Amino acid sequence: MAPKSGRKAQTRERILETAARAIRRGGYQGIGVADIMKEAGLTHGGFYAHFDSRDAMLAAALERAGQDAAERIAQAMARRQAQGSAPLRALVESYLHDSTLASPEQGCPVAALASEMPRQSAPVREASVRRIEGLIAKVRDALPPEAPAGRAELITSQMVGALQLARALGDNEAGRALLAANREALLAGAPH
């Protein structure tokens, strides 16, 4: 039998995993404590043993969603780079891959939640800013050192916006075409 603190940590992780998927799937407003606890297979009453408030859970869930998405992107980038792709190409092709249309609950939380971020509580907005800054840093790291100032922010904005619009069009020919056009535009003249 696991120690009590180990069980508590596992339960918190289960809540965070559930909430991280749920916010990317349905947005912040669609997330109720009771719903998250039920989806995690837990009772509503146990929530406050893990979080002080719904907003504390949302901020932590956003962090978790960002970490999960960053790990998936890093793995996809590593596969592409192992096949000879330059870092920026690997990042753009991974972030704007057609598979991101079908499963927003596993994708980038910035693209899933950007329009809702400014209307959240201070702790959730602060977590949002960290996620955006982390994504910009990931793009900056993929750029060559001589890239002009502001290029990482521009590329990040286009990637996030392209993914949002493609998802609005749907997991169909139009959504995939929009992603393809943005991949092409972002990588025009970039090293392979």
C-alpha atoms as a PDB file:
ATOM      1  CA  MET A   1       0.000   0.000   0.000  1.00  0.00           C
ATOM      2  CA  ALA A   2       1.338   3.430  -1.009  1.00  0.00           C
ATOM      3  CA  PRO A   3       1.980   5.967   1.727  1.00  0.00           C
ATOM      4  CA  LYS A   4      -0.811   8.498   2.231  1.00  0.00           C
ATOM      5  CA  SER A   5       1.260  11.318   0.744  1.00  0.00           C
ATOM      6  CA  GLY A   6       1.956   9.125  -2.290  1.00  0.00           C
ATOM      7  CA  ARG A   7      -1.748   8.464  -2.768  1.00  0.00           C
ATOM      8  CA  LYS A   8      -2.509  12.147  -2.353  1.00  0.00           C
ATOM      9  CA  ALA A   9       0.085  13.031  -4.995  1.00  0.00           C
ATOM     10  CA  GLN A  10      -1.324  10.402  -7.361  1.00  0.00           C
ATOM     11  CA  THR A  11      -4.838  11.720  -6.852  1.00  0.00           C
ATOM     12  CA  ARG A  12      -3.703  15.296  -7.509  1.00  0.00           C
ATOM     13  CA  GLU A  13      -1.999  14.104 -10.695  1.00  0.00           C
ATOM     14  CA  ARG A  14      -5.188  12.367 -11.826  1.00  0.00           C
ATOM     15  CA  ILE A  15      -7.165  15.575 -11.242  1.00  0.00           C
ATOM     16  CA  LEU A  16      -4.574  17.637 -13.131  1.00  0.00           C
ATOM     17  CA  GLU A  17      -4.475  15.231 -16.081  1.00  0.00           C
ATOM     18  CA  THR A  18      -8.256  15.283 -16.295  1.00  0.00           C
ATOM     19  CA  ALA A  19      -8.481  19.071 -15.991  1.00  0.00           C
ATOM     20  CA  ALA A  20      -5.648  19.632 -18.507  1.00  0.00           C
ATOM     21  CA  ARG A  21      -7.530  17.612 -21.127  1.00  0.00           C
ATOM     22  CA  ALA A  22     -10.847  19.204 -20.222  1.00  0.00           C
ATOM     23  CA  ILE A  23      -9.721  22.838 -20.539  1.00  0.00           C
ATOM     24  CA  ARG A  24      -8.239  22.182 -23.982  1.00  0.00           C
ATOM     25  CA  ARG A  25     -11.368  20.334 -25.040  1.00  0.00           C
ATOM     26  CA  GLY A  26     -14.026  22.692 -23.692  1.00  0.00           C
ATOM     27  CA  GLY A  27     -12.404  25.902 -22.500  1.00  0.00           C
ATOM     28  CA  TYR A  28     -12.285  27.356 -19.011  1.00  0.00           C
ATOM     29  CA  GLN A  29     -15.986  28.117 -18.702  1.00  0.00           C
ATOM     30  CA  GLY A  30     -16.939  24.535 -19.413  1.00  0.00           C
ATOM     31  CA  ILE A  31     -14.947  23.281 -16.447  1.00  0.00           C
ATOM     32  CA  GLY A  32     -16.706  22.706 -13.165  1.00  0.00           C
ATOM     33  CA  VAL A  33     -15.069  21.180 -10.128  1.00  0.00           C
ATOM     34  CA  ALA A  34     -17.774  18.519  -9.834  1.00  0.00           C
ATOM     35  CA  ASP A  35     -17.374  17.550 -13.504  1.00  0.00           C
ATOM     36  CA  ILE A  36     -13.589  17.252 -13.238  1.00  0.00           C
ATOM     37  CA  MET A  37     -13.787  15.176 -10.089  1.00  0.00           C
ATOM     38  CA  LYS A  38     -16.409  12.900 -11.630  1.00  0.00           C
ATOM     39  CA  GLU A  39     -14.372  12.454 -14.826  1.00  0.00           C
ATOM     40  CA  ALA A  40     -11.318  11.665 -12.679  1.00  0.00           C
ATOM     41  CA  GLY A  41     -13.373   9.045 -10.819  1.00  0.00           C
ATOM     42  CA  LEU A  42     -13.295  10.970  -7.541  1.00  0.00           C
ATOM     43  CA  THR A  43     -15.832  12.556  -5.254  1.00  0.00           C
ATOM     44  CA  HIS A  44     -16.470  16.280  -5.354  1.00  0.00           C
ATOM     45  CA  GLY A  45     -15.821  16.547  -1.621  1.00  0.00           C
ATOM     46  CA  GLY A  46     -12.165  15.583  -1.988  1.00  0.00           C
ATOM     47  CA  PHE A  47     -11.287  18.487  -4.276  1.00  0.00           C
ATOM     48  CA  TYR A  48     -10.221  20.925  -1.555  1.00  0.00           C
ATOM     49  CA  ALA A  49      -7.689  18.469  -0.178  1.00  0.00           C
ATOM     50  CA  HIS A  50      -5.729  19.144  -3.392  1.00  0.00           C
ATOM     51  CA  PHE A  51      -6.537  22.724  -4.455  1.00  0.00           C
ATOM     52  CA  ASP A  52      -7.531  25.912  -2.645  1.00  0.00           C
ATOM     53  CA  SER A  53      -9.920  26.951  -5.402  1.00  0.00           C
ATOM     54  CA  ARG A  54     -11.171  26.255  -8.901  1.00  0.00           C
ATOM     55  CA  ASP A  55      -8.807  28.953 -10.199  1.00  0.00           C
ATOM     56  CA  ALA A  56      -5.827  27.266  -8.512  1.00  0.00           C
ATOM     57  CA  MET A  57      -6.786  24.036 -10.269  1.00  0.00           C
ATOM     58  CA  LEU A  58      -7.192  25.837 -13.619  1.00  0.00           C
ATOM     59  CA  ALA A  59      -3.769  27.482 -13.319  1.00  0.00           C
ATOM     60  CA  ALA A  60      -2.137  24.159 -12.438  1.00  0.00           C
ATOM     61  CA  ALA A  61      -4.053  22.382 -15.210  1.00  0.00           C
ATOM     62  CA  LEU A  62      -2.860  24.961 -17.735  1.00  0.00           C
ATOM     63  CA  GLU A  63       0.731  24.389 -16.598  1.00  0.00           C
ATOM     64  CA  ARG A  64       0.232  20.628 -16.948  1.00  0.00           C
ATOM     65  CA  ALA A  65      -1.369  21.000 -20.386  1.00  0.00           C
ATOM     66  CA  GLY A  66       1.569  23.150 -21.492  1.00  0.00           C
ATOM     67  CA  GLN A  67       4.125  20.653 -20.213  1.00  0.00           C
ATOM     68  CA  ASP A  68       2.312  17.761 -21.896  1.00  0.00           C
ATOM     69  CA  ALA A  69       2.064  19.618 -25.208  1.00  0.00           C
ATOM     70  CA  ALA A  70       5.711  20.719 -25.011  1.00  0.00           C
ATOM     71  CA  GLU A  71       6.811  17.115 -24.474  1.00  0.00           C
ATOM     72  CA  ARG A  72       4.777  15.925 -27.476  1.00  0.00           C
ATOM     73  CA  ILE A  73       6.180  18.704 -29.667  1.00  0.00           C
ATOM     74  CA  ALA A  74       9.742  17.958 -28.496  1.00  0.00           C
ATOM     75  CA  GLN A  75       9.327  14.269 -29.340  1.00  0.00           C
ATOM     76  CA  ALA A  76       7.886  15.060 -32.769  1.00  0.00           C
ATOM     77  CA  MET A  77      10.659  17.562 -33.408  1.00  0.00           C
ATOM     78  CA  ALA A  78      13.323  15.040 -32.385  1.00  0.00           C
ATOM     79  CA  ARG A  79      11.929  12.505 -34.871  1.00  0.00           C
ATOM     80  CA  ARG A  80      11.941  15.076 -37.666  1.00  0.00           C
ATOM     81  CA  GLN A  81      15.417  16.327 -36.779  1.00  0.00           C
ATOM     82  CA  ALA A  82      16.711  12.745 -36.744  1.00  0.00           C
ATOM     83  CA  GLN A  83      15.484  12.559 -40.345  1.00  0.00           C
ATOM     84  CA  GLY A  84      17.430  15.700 -41.239  1.00  0.00           C
ATOM     85  CA  SER A  85      14.973  18.549 -40.656  1.00  0.00           C
ATOM     86  CA  ALA A  86      16.302  21.855 -39.370  1.00  0.00           C
ATOM     87  CA  PRO A  87      14.960  22.872 -35.919  1.00  0.00           C
ATOM     88  CA  LEU A  88      12.501  25.517 -37.189  1.00  0.00           C
ATOM     89  CA  ARG A  89      11.123  23.205 -39.869  1.00  0.00           C
ATOM     90  CA  ALA A  90      10.751  20.424 -37.315  1.00  0.00           C
ATOM     91  CA  LEU A  91       8.902  22.762 -34.939  1.00  0.00           C
ATOM     92  CA  VAL A  92       6.530  24.261 -37.515  1.00  0.00           C
ATOM     93  CA  GLU A  93       5.735  20.891 -39.077  1.00  0.00           C
ATOM     94  CA  SER A  94       5.123  19.359 -35.640  1.00  0.00           C
ATOM     95  CA  TYR A  95       2.994  22.216 -34.295  1.00  0.00           C
ATOM     96  CA  LEU A  96       0.927  22.590 -37.467  1.00  0.00           C
ATOM     97  CA  HIS A  97       0.610  18.881 -38.210  1.00  0.00           C
ATOM     98  CA  ASP A  98      -2.759  17.738 -39.527  1.00  0.00           C
ATOM     99  CA  SER A  99      -3.218  15.494 -36.471  1.00  0.00           C
ATOM    100  CA  THR A 100      -3.592  18.593 -34.257  1.00  0.00           C
ATOM    101  CA  LEU A 101      -7.006  19.220 -35.798  1.00  0.00           C
ATOM    102  CA  ALA A 102      -8.573  16.038 -34.476  1.00  0.00           C
ATOM    103  CA  SER A 103      -7.458  16.191 -30.856  1.00  0.00           C
ATOM    104  CA  PRO A 104      -7.318  19.673 -29.305  1.00  0.00           C
ATOM    105  CA  GLU A 105      -7.451  18.068 -25.838  1.00  0.00           C
ATOM    106  CA  GLN A 106      -3.901  16.836 -26.434  1.00  0.00           C
ATOM    107  CA  GLY A 107      -2.549  19.887 -28.235  1.00  0.00           C
ATOM    108  CA  CYS A 108      -1.196  23.281 -27.375  1.00  0.00           C
ATOM    109  CA  PRO A 109      -3.204  25.006 -24.635  1.00  0.00           C
ATOM    110  CA  VAL A 110      -2.271  28.427 -26.010  1.00  0.00           C
ATOM    111  CA  ALA A 111      -4.066  27.691 -29.279  1.00  0.00           C
ATOM    112  CA  ALA A 112      -6.965  26.068 -27.455  1.00  0.00           C
ATOM    113  CA  LEU A 113      -7.462  28.851 -24.912  1.00  0.00           C
ATOM    114  CA  ALA A 114      -5.915  32.098 -26.194  1.00  0.00           C
ATOM    115  CA  SER A 115      -9.181  33.961 -26.661  1.00  0.00           C
ATOM    116  CA  GLU A 116     -10.305  33.068 -23.122  1.00  0.00           C
ATOM    117  CA  MET A 117      -7.035  33.843 -21.323  1.00  0.00           C
ATOM    118  CA  PRO A 118      -7.532  37.601 -20.795  1.00  0.00           C
ATOM    119  CA  ARG A 119     -10.907  37.069 -19.067  1.00  0.00           C
ATOM    120  CA  GLN A 120      -9.613  34.729 -16.369  1.00  0.00           C
ATOM    121  CA  SER A 121      -8.570  35.384 -12.785  1.00  0.00           C
ATOM    122  CA  ALA A 122      -5.095  36.735 -12.063  1.00  0.00           C
ATOM    123  CA  PRO A 123      -3.578  33.300 -11.260  1.00  0.00           C
ATOM    124  CA  VAL A 124      -4.909  31.810 -14.494  1.00  0.00           C
ATOM    125  CA  ARG A 125      -3.771  34.836 -16.536  1.00  0.00           C
ATOM    126  CA  GLU A 126      -0.293  34.547 -14.983  1.00  0.00           C
ATOM    127  CA  ALA A 127      -0.142  30.859 -15.912  1.00  0.00           C
ATOM    128  CA  SER A 128      -1.307  31.834 -19.406  1.00  0.00           C
ATOM    129  CA  VAL A 129       1.487  34.374 -19.790  1.00  0.00           C
ATOM    130  CA  ARG A 130       4.044  31.726 -18.757  1.00  0.00           C
ATOM    131  CA  ARG A 131       2.666  29.319 -21.385  1.00  0.00           C
ATOM    132  CA  ILE A 132       2.837  31.987 -24.112  1.00  0.00           C
ATOM    133  CA  GLU A 133       6.352  32.999 -23.093  1.00  0.00           C
ATOM    134  CA  GLY A 134       7.385  29.337 -23.096  1.00  0.00           C
ATOM    135  CA  LEU A 135       6.050  28.830 -26.615  1.00  0.00           C
ATOM    136  CA  ILE A 136       7.826  31.964 -27.863  1.00  0.00           C
ATOM    137  CA  ALA A 137      11.051  30.733 -26.240  1.00  0.00           C
ATOM    138  CA  LYS A 138      10.639  27.347 -27.977  1.00  0.00           C
ATOM    139  CA  VAL A 139      10.339  29.122 -31.324  1.00  0.00           C
ATOM    140  CA  ARG A 140      13.279  31.418 -30.506  1.00  0.00           C
ATOM    141  CA  ASP A 141      15.416  28.359 -29.699  1.00  0.00           C
ATOM    142  CA  ALA A 142      14.559  26.876 -33.101  1.00  0.00           C
ATOM    143  CA  LEU A 143      15.615  30.002 -34.987  1.00  0.00           C
ATOM    144  CA  PRO A 144      19.158  30.629 -36.157  1.00  0.00           C
ATOM    145  CA  PRO A 145      21.077  33.074 -33.921  1.00  0.00           C
ATOM    146  CA  GLU A 146      21.027  35.768 -36.616  1.00  0.00           C
ATOM    147  CA  ALA A 147      17.205  35.857 -36.778  1.00  0.00           C
ATOM    148  CA  PRO A 148      15.854  39.400 -36.487  1.00  0.00           C
ATOM    149  CA  ALA A 149      14.397  40.605 -33.204  1.00  0.00           C
ATOM    150  CA  GLY A 150      10.700  39.877 -32.946  1.00  0.00           C
ATOM    151  CA  ARG A 151      10.816  36.968 -35.401  1.00  0.00           C
ATOM    152  CA  ALA A 152       9.992  34.392 -32.707  1.00  0.00           C
ATOM    153  CA  GLU A 153       6.928  36.359 -31.616  1.00  0.00           C
ATOM    154  CA  LEU A 154       5.766  36.702 -35.234  1.00  0.00           C
ATOM    155  CA  ILE A 155       6.160  32.981 -35.970  1.00  0.00           C
ATOM    156  CA  THR A 156       4.484  32.024 -32.694  1.00  0.00           C
ATOM    157  CA  SER A 157       1.543  34.301 -33.457  1.00  0.00           C
ATOM    158  CA  GLN A 158       1.112  32.828 -36.914  1.00  0.00           C
ATOM    159  CA  MET A 159       1.351  29.240 -35.667  1.00  0.00           C
ATOM    160  CA  VAL A 160      -1.199  29.777 -32.886  1.00  0.00           C
ATOM    161  CA  GLY A 161      -3.577  31.726 -35.122  1.00  0.00           C
ATOM    162  CA  ALA A 162      -3.287  29.188 -37.934  1.00  0.00           C
ATOM    163  CA  LEU A 163      -4.077  26.331 -35.587  1.00  0.00           C
ATOM    164  CA  GLN A 164      -7.069  28.184 -34.120  1.00  0.00           C
ATOM    165  CA  LEU A 165      -8.513  28.998 -37.536  1.00  0.00           C
ATOM    166  CA  ALA A 166      -7.859  25.510 -38.894  1.00  0.00           C
ATOM    167  CA  ARG A 167      -9.664  24.010 -35.902  1.00  0.00           C
ATOM    168  CA  ALA A 168     -12.555  26.398 -36.503  1.00  0.00           C
ATOM    169  CA  LEU A 169     -12.773  25.088 -40.068  1.00  0.00           C
ATOM    170  CA  GLY A 170     -12.617  21.544 -38.760  1.00  0.00           C
ATOM    171  CA  ASP A 171     -10.726  18.303 -39.213  1.00  0.00           C
ATOM    172  CA  ASN A 172     -11.408  18.317 -42.936  1.00  0.00           C
ATOM    173  CA  GLU A 173      -9.939  19.393 -46.252  1.00  0.00           C
ATOM    174  CA  ALA A 174     -10.352  23.111 -45.486  1.00  0.00           C
ATOM    175  CA  GLY A 175      -8.676  22.851 -42.078  1.00  0.00           C
ATOM    176  CA  ARG A 176      -5.801  20.796 -43.458  1.00  0.00           C
ATOM    177  CA  ALA A 177      -5.368  23.211 -46.393  1.00  0.00           C
ATOM    178  CA  LEU A 178      -5.107  26.153 -44.016  1.00  0.00           C
ATOM    179  CA  LEU A 179      -2.434  24.365 -41.968  1.00  0.00           C
ATOM    180  CA  ALA A 180      -0.524  23.433 -45.137  1.00  0.00           C
ATOM    181  CA  ALA A 181      -0.606  27.021 -46.412  1.00  0.00           C
ATOM    182  CA  ASN A 182       0.745  28.315 -43.112  1.00  0.00           C
ATOM    183  CA  ARG A 183       3.469  25.669 -42.928  1.00  0.00           C
ATOM    184  CA  GLU A 184       4.534  26.658 -46.444  1.00  0.00           C
ATOM    185  CA  ALA A 185       4.472  30.385 -45.671  1.00  0.00           C
ATOM    186  CA  LEU A 186       6.375  30.019 -42.410  1.00  0.00           C
ATOM    187  CA  LEU A 187       9.022  27.791 -43.951  1.00  0.00           C
ATOM    188  CA  ALA A 188       9.529  29.649 -47.229  1.00  0.00           C
ATOM    189  CA  GLY A 189      13.262  30.118 -47.481  1.00  0.00           C
ATOM    190  CA  ALA A 190      13.945  28.263 -44.214  1.00  0.00           C
ATOM    191  CA  PRO A 191      16.621  25.545 -44.165  1.00  0.00           C
ATOM    192  CA  HIS A 192      15.395  22.014 -44.604  1.00  0.00           C
END
